[in-house]
């Protein structure tokens, strides 16, 4: 999948804004392992993005 810079900015902004507890809840609600792994990756990206964003200040 190729993403342009506008798409990447939108995704990064979303990762910064979505509450981490909501993402964790989504992970815990998944019934299939593949869905759970996907949401775990999203959660990890959100945590990483917040760390990078806070260091950039």
C-alpha atoms as a PDB file:
ATOM      1  CA  UNK A   1       0.000   0.000   0.000  1.00  0.00           C
ATOM      2  CA  UNK A   2       1.388   3.388  -0.971  1.00  0.00           C
ATOM      3  CA  UNK A   3       0.382   6.348   1.125  1.00  0.00           C
ATOM      4  CA  UNK A   4       0.989   9.935   0.175  1.00  0.00           C
ATOM      5  CA  UNK A   5       2.227  12.467   2.713  1.00  0.00           C
ATOM      6  CA  UNK A   6      -1.292  13.825   3.370  1.00  0.00           C
ATOM      7  CA  UNK A   7      -2.534  10.335   4.212  1.00  0.00           C
ATOM      8  CA  UNK A   8       0.404   9.741   6.519  1.00  0.00           C
ATOM      9  CA  UNK A   9      -0.256  13.048   8.319  1.00  0.00           C
ATOM     10  CA  UNK A  10      -3.922  12.111   8.787  1.00  0.00           C
ATOM     11  CA  UNK A  11      -3.002   8.725  10.212  1.00  0.00           C
ATOM     12  CA  UNK A  12      -0.403  10.223  12.560  1.00  0.00           C
ATOM     13  CA  UNK A  13      -2.890  12.829  13.773  1.00  0.00           C
ATOM     14  CA  UNK A  14      -5.473  10.112  14.396  1.00  0.00           C
ATOM     15  CA  UNK A  15      -2.914   8.043  16.307  1.00  0.00           C
ATOM     16  CA  UNK A  16      -2.202  11.052  18.517  1.00  0.00           C
ATOM     17  CA  UNK A  17      -5.863  11.794  19.174  1.00  0.00           C
ATOM     18  CA  UNK A  18      -7.475   8.414  19.729  1.00  0.00           C
ATOM     19  CA  UNK A  19      -7.470   7.522  23.444  1.00  0.00           C
ATOM     20  CA  UNK A  20      -5.118   4.654  24.218  1.00  0.00           C
ATOM     21  CA  UNK A  21      -7.665   3.042  26.518  1.00  0.00           C
ATOM     22  CA  UNK A  22     -10.105   2.840  23.598  1.00  0.00           C
ATOM     23  CA  UNK A  23      -7.483   1.092  21.484  1.00  0.00           C
ATOM     24  CA  UNK A  24      -6.667  -1.314  24.310  1.00  0.00           C
ATOM     25  CA  UNK A  25     -10.397  -2.036  24.711  1.00  0.00           C
ATOM     26  CA  UNK A  26     -10.621  -2.763  20.981  1.00  0.00           C
ATOM     27  CA  UNK A  27      -7.715  -5.222  21.272  1.00  0.00           C
ATOM     28  CA  UNK A  28      -9.407  -7.013  24.166  1.00  0.00           C
ATOM     29  CA  UNK A  29     -12.749  -7.246  22.331  1.00  0.00           C
ATOM     30  CA  UNK A  30     -11.302  -9.010  19.267  1.00  0.00           C
ATOM     31  CA  UNK A  31     -12.375 -12.579  18.838  1.00  0.00           C
ATOM     32  CA  UNK A  32     -10.089 -13.562  15.987  1.00  0.00           C
ATOM     33  CA  UNK A  33      -6.337 -13.689  16.510  1.00  0.00           C
ATOM     34  CA  UNK A  34      -5.608 -11.838  13.265  1.00  0.00           C
ATOM     35  CA  UNK A  35      -7.886  -8.950  14.262  1.00  0.00           C
ATOM     36  CA  UNK A  36      -6.313  -8.859  17.701  1.00  0.00           C
ATOM     37  CA  UNK A  37      -2.800  -8.720  16.220  1.00  0.00           C
ATOM     38  CA  UNK A  38      -3.851  -5.927  13.845  1.00  0.00           C
ATOM     39  CA  UNK A  39      -5.281  -3.794  16.671  1.00  0.00           C
ATOM     40  CA  UNK A  40      -2.219  -4.507  18.827  1.00  0.00           C
ATOM     41  CA  UNK A  41      -0.052  -3.085  16.038  1.00  0.00           C
ATOM     42  CA  UNK A  42      -2.273   0.014  15.867  1.00  0.00           C
ATOM     43  CA  UNK A  43      -1.950   0.401  19.642  1.00  0.00           C
ATOM     44  CA  UNK A  44       1.837   0.116  19.462  1.00  0.00           C
ATOM     45  CA  UNK A  45       1.983   2.672  16.664  1.00  0.00           C
ATOM     46  CA  UNK A  46      -0.140   5.081  18.698  1.00  0.00           C
ATOM     47  CA  UNK A  47       2.167   4.723  21.704  1.00  0.00           C
ATOM     48  CA  UNK A  48       5.252   5.170  19.512  1.00  0.00           C
ATOM     49  CA  UNK A  49       3.773   8.216  17.783  1.00  0.00           C
ATOM     50  CA  UNK A  50       3.027   9.855  21.132  1.00  0.00           C
ATOM     51  CA  UNK A  51       6.578   9.236  22.323  1.00  0.00           C
ATOM     52  CA  UNK A  52       8.030  10.721  19.150  1.00  0.00           C
ATOM     53  CA  UNK A  53       5.641  13.653  19.315  1.00  0.00           C
ATOM     54  CA  UNK A  54       6.498  14.434  22.931  1.00  0.00           C
ATOM     55  CA  UNK A  55      10.254  14.240  22.230  1.00  0.00           C
ATOM     56  CA  UNK A  56       9.857  16.587  19.293  1.00  0.00           C
ATOM     57  CA  UNK A  57       8.578  19.419  21.490  1.00  0.00           C
END
